[in-house]
N, C-alpha and C. Protein backbone atom coordinates (compact mmCIF):
# COMPACT_ATOMS: atom_id res chain seq x y z
N MET A 1 0.82 -1.14 -0.04
CA MET A 1 0.01 0.00 0.06
C MET A 1 0.86 1.21 -0.02
N GLY A 2 0.36 2.27 -0.63
CA GLY A 2 1.07 3.51 -0.68
C GLY A 2 0.13 4.68 -0.34
N ASN A 3 0.71 5.79 0.00
CA ASN A 3 -0.05 6.97 0.27
C ASN A 3 0.13 8.02 -0.89
N VAL A 4 -1.05 8.46 -1.37
CA VAL A 4 -0.98 9.46 -2.44
C VAL A 4 -0.54 10.82 -1.85
N ILE A 5 0.56 11.32 -2.35
CA ILE A 5 1.18 12.64 -1.86
C ILE A 5 0.61 13.83 -2.56
N ALA A 6 0.54 13.55 -3.99
CA ALA A 6 0.13 14.61 -4.87
C ALA A 6 -0.65 14.10 -6.03
N VAL A 7 -1.59 14.84 -6.52
CA VAL A 7 -2.35 14.57 -7.79
C VAL A 7 -2.19 15.71 -8.74
N CYS A 8 -1.46 15.47 -9.83
CA CYS A 8 -0.98 16.58 -10.73
C CYS A 8 -1.55 16.45 -12.12
N VAL A 9 -1.88 17.67 -12.77
CA VAL A 9 -2.30 17.69 -14.14
C VAL A 9 -1.62 18.87 -14.84
N SER A 10 -1.69 18.83 -16.15
CA SER A 10 -1.31 19.97 -16.94
C SER A 10 -2.26 20.10 -18.13
N GLU A 11 -2.54 21.32 -18.57
CA GLU A 11 -3.48 21.53 -19.61
C GLU A 11 -2.84 21.30 -21.03
N ARG A 12 -1.55 21.26 -21.07
CA ARG A 12 -0.84 21.01 -22.38
C ARG A 12 0.42 20.12 -22.14
N LYS A 13 0.76 19.47 -23.19
CA LYS A 13 1.95 18.55 -23.10
C LYS A 13 3.20 19.38 -23.10
N GLY A 14 4.30 18.80 -22.50
CA GLY A 14 5.59 19.36 -22.55
C GLY A 14 5.89 20.38 -21.47
N VAL A 15 4.98 20.52 -20.52
CA VAL A 15 5.14 21.47 -19.40
C VAL A 15 5.00 20.66 -18.11
N GLN A 16 5.56 21.19 -17.04
CA GLN A 16 5.42 20.52 -15.74
C GLN A 16 3.93 20.52 -15.38
N LYS A 17 3.60 19.50 -14.57
CA LYS A 17 2.26 19.42 -14.07
C LYS A 17 2.17 20.20 -12.77
N LYS A 18 0.91 20.59 -12.37
CA LYS A 18 0.77 21.23 -11.04
C LYS A 18 -0.13 20.35 -10.17
N ASN A 19 0.16 20.42 -8.86
CA ASN A 19 -0.60 19.66 -7.92
C ASN A 19 -1.88 20.32 -7.72
N VAL A 20 -3.02 19.56 -8.05
CA VAL A 20 -4.41 20.05 -7.90
C VAL A 20 -5.06 19.38 -6.67
N GLY A 21 -4.42 18.46 -6.02
CA GLY A 21 -4.94 17.85 -4.87
C GLY A 21 -5.94 16.80 -5.09
N THR A 22 -6.89 16.92 -6.00
CA THR A 22 -7.99 16.06 -6.31
C THR A 22 -8.17 15.95 -7.84
N ALA A 23 -8.45 14.84 -8.32
CA ALA A 23 -8.77 14.77 -9.76
C ALA A 23 -9.78 13.63 -10.02
N VAL A 24 -10.48 13.79 -11.16
CA VAL A 24 -11.38 12.84 -11.64
C VAL A 24 -10.76 11.92 -12.69
N PHE A 25 -10.78 10.65 -12.45
CA PHE A 25 -10.18 9.67 -13.40
C PHE A 25 -11.37 9.09 -14.22
N ILE A 26 -11.17 9.07 -15.59
CA ILE A 26 -12.22 8.64 -16.47
C ILE A 26 -11.85 7.38 -17.08
N THR A 27 -12.69 6.34 -17.01
CA THR A 27 -12.46 5.08 -17.59
C THR A 27 -11.95 5.08 -19.01
N GLU A 28 -10.88 4.40 -19.32
CA GLU A 28 -10.25 4.33 -20.57
C GLU A 28 -9.98 5.60 -21.24
N TRP A 29 -9.68 6.63 -20.40
CA TRP A 29 -9.38 7.94 -20.94
C TRP A 29 -8.21 8.54 -20.13
N GLY A 30 -8.28 8.56 -18.89
CA GLY A 30 -7.21 9.21 -18.12
C GLY A 30 -7.83 10.21 -17.12
N ILE A 31 -7.05 11.29 -16.81
CA ILE A 31 -7.53 12.29 -15.84
C ILE A 31 -8.21 13.50 -16.53
N GLU A 32 -9.29 13.80 -16.03
CA GLU A 32 -10.07 14.96 -16.56
C GLU A 32 -9.13 16.17 -16.55
N ASN A 33 -9.13 16.95 -17.64
CA ASN A 33 -8.36 18.17 -17.78
C ASN A 33 -6.83 17.96 -17.81
N ASP A 34 -6.38 16.73 -18.13
CA ASP A 34 -4.97 16.50 -18.23
C ASP A 34 -4.58 16.30 -19.71
N ALA A 35 -3.55 16.91 -20.10
CA ALA A 35 -3.17 16.86 -21.55
C ALA A 35 -2.86 15.51 -22.07
N HIS A 36 -2.48 14.55 -21.15
CA HIS A 36 -2.05 13.24 -21.61
C HIS A 36 -3.17 12.23 -21.61
N ALA A 37 -4.36 12.68 -21.25
CA ALA A 37 -5.49 11.71 -21.31
C ALA A 37 -5.84 11.44 -22.74
N GLY A 38 -6.36 10.27 -22.97
CA GLY A 38 -6.69 9.86 -24.31
C GLY A 38 -6.85 8.32 -24.42
N ALA A 39 -7.23 7.84 -25.54
CA ALA A 39 -7.40 6.46 -25.81
C ALA A 39 -6.12 5.82 -26.14
N TRP A 40 -5.24 5.66 -25.19
CA TRP A 40 -3.92 5.01 -25.34
C TRP A 40 -3.46 4.37 -24.11
N HIS A 41 -2.18 3.78 -24.07
CA HIS A 41 -1.79 3.12 -22.90
C HIS A 41 -1.10 3.89 -21.87
N ARG A 42 -0.83 5.23 -22.10
CA ARG A 42 -0.19 6.05 -21.14
C ARG A 42 -1.13 7.18 -20.57
N GLN A 43 -2.26 6.77 -20.01
CA GLN A 43 -3.25 7.67 -19.60
C GLN A 43 -2.86 8.39 -18.31
N VAL A 44 -2.16 7.58 -17.42
CA VAL A 44 -1.77 8.16 -16.09
C VAL A 44 -0.37 7.85 -15.81
N SER A 45 0.50 8.74 -15.34
CA SER A 45 1.82 8.45 -14.95
C SER A 45 1.98 8.55 -13.42
N LEU A 46 2.81 7.58 -12.96
CA LEU A 46 3.00 7.49 -11.49
C LEU A 46 4.46 7.52 -11.17
N LEU A 47 4.85 8.11 -10.08
CA LEU A 47 6.25 8.23 -9.68
C LEU A 47 6.32 8.03 -8.10
N SER A 48 7.30 7.32 -7.68
CA SER A 48 7.46 7.11 -6.26
C SER A 48 8.00 8.31 -5.50
N HIS A 49 7.29 8.76 -4.49
CA HIS A 49 7.77 9.93 -3.74
C HIS A 49 9.10 9.68 -3.19
N ASP A 50 9.50 8.45 -2.81
CA ASP A 50 10.82 8.16 -2.25
C ASP A 50 11.92 8.41 -3.28
N LYS A 51 11.65 8.20 -4.59
CA LYS A 51 12.59 8.45 -5.68
C LYS A 51 12.77 9.87 -5.89
N ILE A 52 11.66 10.65 -5.78
CA ILE A 52 11.77 12.09 -5.94
C ILE A 52 12.49 12.71 -4.79
N GLU A 53 12.25 12.16 -3.54
CA GLU A 53 13.04 12.69 -2.37
C GLU A 53 14.54 12.45 -2.50
N ALA A 54 14.86 11.24 -3.01
CA ALA A 54 16.33 10.97 -3.27
C ALA A 54 16.94 11.92 -4.30
N PHE A 55 16.18 12.24 -5.34
CA PHE A 55 16.68 13.16 -6.30
C PHE A 55 16.81 14.53 -5.72
N ARG A 56 15.90 14.92 -4.83
CA ARG A 56 15.92 16.23 -4.20
C ARG A 56 17.15 16.30 -3.29
N ALA A 57 17.49 15.16 -2.68
CA ALA A 57 18.62 15.18 -1.75
C ALA A 57 19.94 15.36 -2.48
N ARG A 58 20.00 15.13 -3.81
CA ARG A 58 21.10 15.41 -4.68
C ARG A 58 21.23 16.83 -5.17
N GLY A 59 20.31 17.75 -4.65
CA GLY A 59 20.33 19.10 -4.89
C GLY A 59 19.30 19.61 -5.95
N ALA A 60 18.45 18.71 -6.40
CA ALA A 60 17.47 19.10 -7.34
C ALA A 60 16.22 19.85 -6.65
N GLU A 61 15.89 21.01 -7.18
CA GLU A 61 14.81 21.77 -6.66
C GLU A 61 13.60 21.44 -7.56
N VAL A 62 12.88 20.35 -7.23
CA VAL A 62 11.79 19.94 -8.07
C VAL A 62 10.44 19.82 -7.18
N GLY A 63 9.34 20.32 -7.70
CA GLY A 63 8.16 20.19 -6.96
C GLY A 63 7.44 19.04 -7.54
N ASP A 64 6.28 18.76 -6.86
CA ASP A 64 5.39 17.63 -7.30
C ASP A 64 4.86 18.01 -8.70
N GLY A 65 4.98 17.00 -9.60
CA GLY A 65 4.58 17.24 -10.93
C GLY A 65 5.66 17.75 -11.95
N ALA A 66 6.86 18.02 -11.33
CA ALA A 66 7.96 18.50 -12.19
C ALA A 66 8.46 17.50 -13.23
N PHE A 67 8.26 16.19 -12.96
CA PHE A 67 8.70 15.17 -13.99
C PHE A 67 7.55 14.85 -14.96
N GLY A 68 6.44 15.54 -14.85
CA GLY A 68 5.24 15.17 -15.69
C GLY A 68 4.44 14.05 -15.00
N GLU A 69 4.57 13.74 -13.83
CA GLU A 69 3.92 12.68 -13.24
C GLU A 69 2.51 13.19 -12.80
N ASN A 70 1.50 12.26 -12.82
CA ASN A 70 0.19 12.58 -12.42
C ASN A 70 0.04 12.27 -10.93
N LEU A 71 0.55 11.08 -10.48
CA LEU A 71 0.42 10.67 -9.08
C LEU A 71 1.78 10.52 -8.44
N VAL A 72 1.99 11.15 -7.37
CA VAL A 72 3.17 10.97 -6.56
C VAL A 72 2.69 10.14 -5.34
N VAL A 73 3.33 8.97 -5.12
CA VAL A 73 2.87 8.03 -4.15
C VAL A 73 4.04 7.56 -3.28
N SER A 74 3.94 7.53 -1.99
CA SER A 74 4.93 7.09 -1.11
C SER A 74 4.68 5.64 -0.82
N GLY A 75 5.79 4.81 -0.56
CA GLY A 75 5.65 3.50 -0.04
C GLY A 75 5.51 2.42 -1.13
N ILE A 76 5.61 2.74 -2.46
CA ILE A 76 5.59 1.82 -3.62
C ILE A 76 6.72 2.08 -4.52
N ASP A 77 7.48 1.02 -4.82
CA ASP A 77 8.62 1.16 -5.79
C ASP A 77 8.02 0.63 -7.15
N PHE A 78 7.42 1.59 -7.84
CA PHE A 78 6.74 1.19 -9.10
C PHE A 78 7.49 0.46 -10.14
N LYS A 79 8.74 0.84 -10.35
CA LYS A 79 9.50 0.21 -11.42
C LYS A 79 9.79 -1.25 -11.10
N SER A 80 9.65 -1.78 -9.87
CA SER A 80 9.93 -3.10 -9.55
C SER A 80 8.72 -4.04 -9.77
N LEU A 81 7.54 -3.41 -10.16
CA LEU A 81 6.36 -4.18 -10.43
C LEU A 81 6.22 -4.56 -11.88
N PRO A 82 5.68 -5.69 -12.18
CA PRO A 82 5.48 -6.19 -13.61
C PRO A 82 4.38 -5.43 -14.30
N ILE A 83 4.49 -5.35 -15.66
CA ILE A 83 3.48 -4.89 -16.52
C ILE A 83 2.16 -5.75 -16.22
N GLY A 84 1.03 -5.09 -16.13
CA GLY A 84 -0.20 -5.71 -15.84
C GLY A 84 -0.61 -5.66 -14.37
N THR A 85 0.33 -5.15 -13.48
CA THR A 85 -0.02 -4.96 -12.06
C THR A 85 -1.20 -4.00 -11.99
N ARG A 86 -2.14 -4.25 -11.14
CA ARG A 86 -3.28 -3.37 -10.97
C ARG A 86 -3.28 -2.72 -9.61
N PHE A 87 -3.74 -1.52 -9.60
CA PHE A 87 -3.78 -0.64 -8.37
C PHE A 87 -5.21 -0.24 -8.20
N SER A 88 -5.65 -0.08 -6.91
CA SER A 88 -6.92 0.47 -6.61
C SER A 88 -6.76 1.57 -5.61
N CYS A 89 -7.63 2.56 -5.75
CA CYS A 89 -7.68 3.68 -4.89
C CYS A 89 -9.10 4.23 -5.01
N ASN A 90 -9.86 4.12 -3.89
CA ASN A 90 -11.30 4.49 -3.91
C ASN A 90 -11.96 3.63 -4.94
N ASP A 91 -12.70 4.26 -5.87
CA ASP A 91 -13.33 3.48 -7.01
C ASP A 91 -12.42 3.33 -8.16
N VAL A 92 -11.25 3.96 -8.17
CA VAL A 92 -10.41 3.97 -9.37
C VAL A 92 -9.57 2.59 -9.40
N LEU A 93 -9.49 2.09 -10.62
CA LEU A 93 -8.70 0.89 -10.90
C LEU A 93 -7.81 1.18 -12.03
N LEU A 94 -6.51 1.05 -11.79
CA LEU A 94 -5.43 1.33 -12.78
C LEU A 94 -4.70 0.04 -13.13
N GLU A 95 -4.19 -0.07 -14.36
CA GLU A 95 -3.42 -1.22 -14.78
C GLU A 95 -2.07 -0.60 -15.30
N LEU A 96 -0.95 -1.14 -14.76
CA LEU A 96 0.44 -0.76 -15.25
C LEU A 96 0.64 -1.25 -16.66
N THR A 97 0.97 -0.30 -17.50
CA THR A 97 1.20 -0.62 -18.97
C THR A 97 2.60 -0.40 -19.52
N GLN A 98 3.35 0.40 -18.79
CA GLN A 98 4.74 0.71 -19.29
C GLN A 98 5.63 1.17 -18.19
N ILE A 99 6.88 0.78 -18.15
CA ILE A 99 7.76 1.19 -17.19
C ILE A 99 8.87 2.01 -17.90
N GLY A 100 9.01 3.28 -17.36
CA GLY A 100 10.01 4.18 -17.94
C GLY A 100 9.54 4.70 -19.28
N LYS A 101 10.28 5.75 -19.86
CA LYS A 101 10.04 6.33 -21.12
C LYS A 101 11.26 7.12 -21.54
N GLU A 102 11.34 7.41 -22.79
CA GLU A 102 12.40 8.30 -23.29
C GLU A 102 12.17 9.64 -22.72
N CYS A 103 13.20 10.30 -22.22
CA CYS A 103 13.14 11.62 -21.71
C CYS A 103 12.96 12.66 -22.85
N HIS A 104 12.26 13.65 -22.70
CA HIS A 104 12.18 14.72 -23.68
C HIS A 104 13.64 15.22 -23.89
N SER A 105 14.07 15.34 -25.05
CA SER A 105 15.39 15.85 -25.34
C SER A 105 15.55 17.26 -24.71
N GLY A 106 16.57 17.31 -23.83
CA GLY A 106 16.89 18.61 -23.20
C GLY A 106 15.84 19.10 -22.24
N CYS A 107 15.18 18.18 -21.49
CA CYS A 107 14.14 18.67 -20.59
C CYS A 107 14.91 19.51 -19.50
N GLU A 108 14.18 20.43 -18.89
CA GLU A 108 14.72 21.39 -17.91
C GLU A 108 15.45 20.70 -16.73
N ILE A 109 14.85 19.66 -16.28
CA ILE A 109 15.51 18.97 -15.14
C ILE A 109 16.83 18.40 -15.53
N TYR A 110 16.88 17.73 -16.77
CA TYR A 110 18.20 17.15 -17.23
C TYR A 110 19.22 18.30 -17.50
N LYS A 111 18.76 19.48 -17.92
CA LYS A 111 19.66 20.54 -18.22
C LYS A 111 20.36 20.99 -16.88
N LYS A 112 19.58 21.04 -15.80
CA LYS A 112 20.04 21.51 -14.51
C LYS A 112 20.86 20.45 -13.79
N MET A 113 20.38 19.20 -13.80
CA MET A 113 20.97 18.18 -13.01
C MET A 113 21.84 17.16 -13.75
N GLY A 114 21.76 17.15 -15.07
CA GLY A 114 22.46 16.14 -15.84
C GLY A 114 21.85 14.79 -15.75
N ASP A 115 20.61 14.73 -15.21
CA ASP A 115 19.91 13.53 -14.93
C ASP A 115 18.45 13.78 -14.81
N CYS A 116 17.65 12.74 -15.14
CA CYS A 116 16.19 12.82 -14.89
C CYS A 116 15.76 11.42 -14.55
N ILE A 117 14.91 11.33 -13.48
CA ILE A 117 14.54 10.03 -13.00
C ILE A 117 13.27 9.44 -13.68
N MET A 118 12.51 10.24 -14.38
CA MET A 118 11.33 9.70 -14.99
C MET A 118 11.57 8.56 -16.03
N PRO A 119 12.61 8.62 -16.83
CA PRO A 119 12.93 7.53 -17.76
C PRO A 119 13.15 6.21 -17.06
N ARG A 120 13.72 6.22 -15.83
CA ARG A 120 14.03 4.96 -15.12
C ARG A 120 12.90 4.63 -14.09
N GLU A 121 12.33 5.64 -13.41
CA GLU A 121 11.48 5.30 -12.28
C GLU A 121 9.94 5.52 -12.51
N GLY A 122 9.58 6.25 -13.52
CA GLY A 122 8.22 6.58 -13.80
C GLY A 122 7.56 5.38 -14.52
N VAL A 123 6.30 5.23 -14.20
CA VAL A 123 5.48 4.15 -14.81
C VAL A 123 4.20 4.71 -15.29
N PHE A 124 3.53 4.01 -16.26
CA PHE A 124 2.32 4.46 -16.82
C PHE A 124 1.18 3.44 -16.65
N ALA A 125 0.04 3.96 -16.63
CA ALA A 125 -1.17 3.08 -16.36
C ALA A 125 -2.28 3.55 -17.28
N ARG A 126 -3.23 2.60 -17.45
CA ARG A 126 -4.55 2.99 -18.10
C ARG A 126 -5.57 2.84 -17.04
N VAL A 127 -6.62 3.60 -17.18
CA VAL A 127 -7.78 3.68 -16.21
C VAL A 127 -8.82 2.61 -16.59
N LEU A 128 -8.87 1.49 -15.77
CA LEU A 128 -9.89 0.47 -16.08
C LEU A 128 -11.18 0.87 -15.46
N HIS A 129 -11.22 1.63 -14.39
CA HIS A 129 -12.48 2.08 -13.79
C HIS A 129 -12.25 3.49 -13.24
N GLY A 130 -13.14 4.35 -13.48
CA GLY A 130 -12.87 5.74 -13.08
C GLY A 130 -13.37 6.04 -11.59
N GLY A 131 -13.15 7.31 -11.20
CA GLY A 131 -13.54 7.72 -9.93
C GLY A 131 -12.66 8.94 -9.51
N THR A 132 -12.50 9.20 -8.31
CA THR A 132 -11.75 10.34 -7.82
C THR A 132 -10.63 9.94 -6.88
N ILE A 133 -9.45 10.54 -7.11
CA ILE A 133 -8.29 10.30 -6.19
C ILE A 133 -7.84 11.64 -5.66
N SER A 134 -7.52 11.70 -4.40
CA SER A 134 -7.10 12.91 -3.72
C SER A 134 -5.80 12.63 -2.91
N ALA A 135 -5.00 13.67 -2.73
CA ALA A 135 -3.85 13.55 -1.86
C ALA A 135 -4.38 13.08 -0.47
N GLY A 136 -3.60 12.11 0.02
CA GLY A 136 -3.97 11.54 1.40
C GLY A 136 -4.69 10.21 1.26
N ASP A 137 -5.15 9.79 -0.01
CA ASP A 137 -5.82 8.54 -0.24
C ASP A 137 -4.74 7.44 -0.23
N THR A 138 -5.25 6.24 -0.05
CA THR A 138 -4.36 5.01 -0.09
C THR A 138 -4.46 4.34 -1.49
N LEU A 139 -3.28 4.07 -2.05
CA LEU A 139 -3.18 3.32 -3.27
C LEU A 139 -2.77 1.94 -2.95
N THR A 140 -3.54 0.94 -3.37
CA THR A 140 -3.23 -0.46 -3.01
C THR A 140 -2.79 -1.24 -4.33
N VAL A 141 -1.71 -1.94 -4.14
CA VAL A 141 -1.28 -2.82 -5.16
C VAL A 141 -2.13 -4.17 -5.06
N LEU A 142 -2.83 -4.51 -6.08
CA LEU A 142 -3.66 -5.76 -6.00
C LEU A 142 -2.91 -6.97 -6.30
N PRO A 143 -3.20 -8.08 -5.62
CA PRO A 143 -2.51 -9.33 -5.91
C PRO A 143 -2.75 -9.75 -7.39
N SER A 144 -1.73 -10.38 -7.99
CA SER A 144 -1.88 -10.84 -9.42
C SER A 144 -2.78 -12.04 -9.37
N ASP A 145 -3.45 -12.24 -10.56
CA ASP A 145 -4.42 -13.42 -10.60
C ASP A 145 -3.65 -14.70 -10.69
């Protein structure tokens, strides 16, 4: 189980997301008012709060959403989970579809730090069932079938 630290969205692609505290997740679409929502496999991005904190400890001044992540969650090492892992939070059901991604060439974080954790640590999911997730909610890793 993990604790949702931040829920972040952006109105357009290529910019940092901002923590909005609560968001509506739409079945097979993604997060309402988020630029990355759509009928594809990367509807929601998740990043471990612990990995962000370790990056901050190296001197990075990054806020929640800086890596383009939708959900910041403590207590779960997302990249260690297999594709197909399912997560539940309130009524929302997510399915892990991708681990890591190619970093935007020359992203601001990479320019400042010479590194970016999203390509290694970030994961993506699709929304199997919608609902609402807020900071402070519990995200549960469901047992595999």
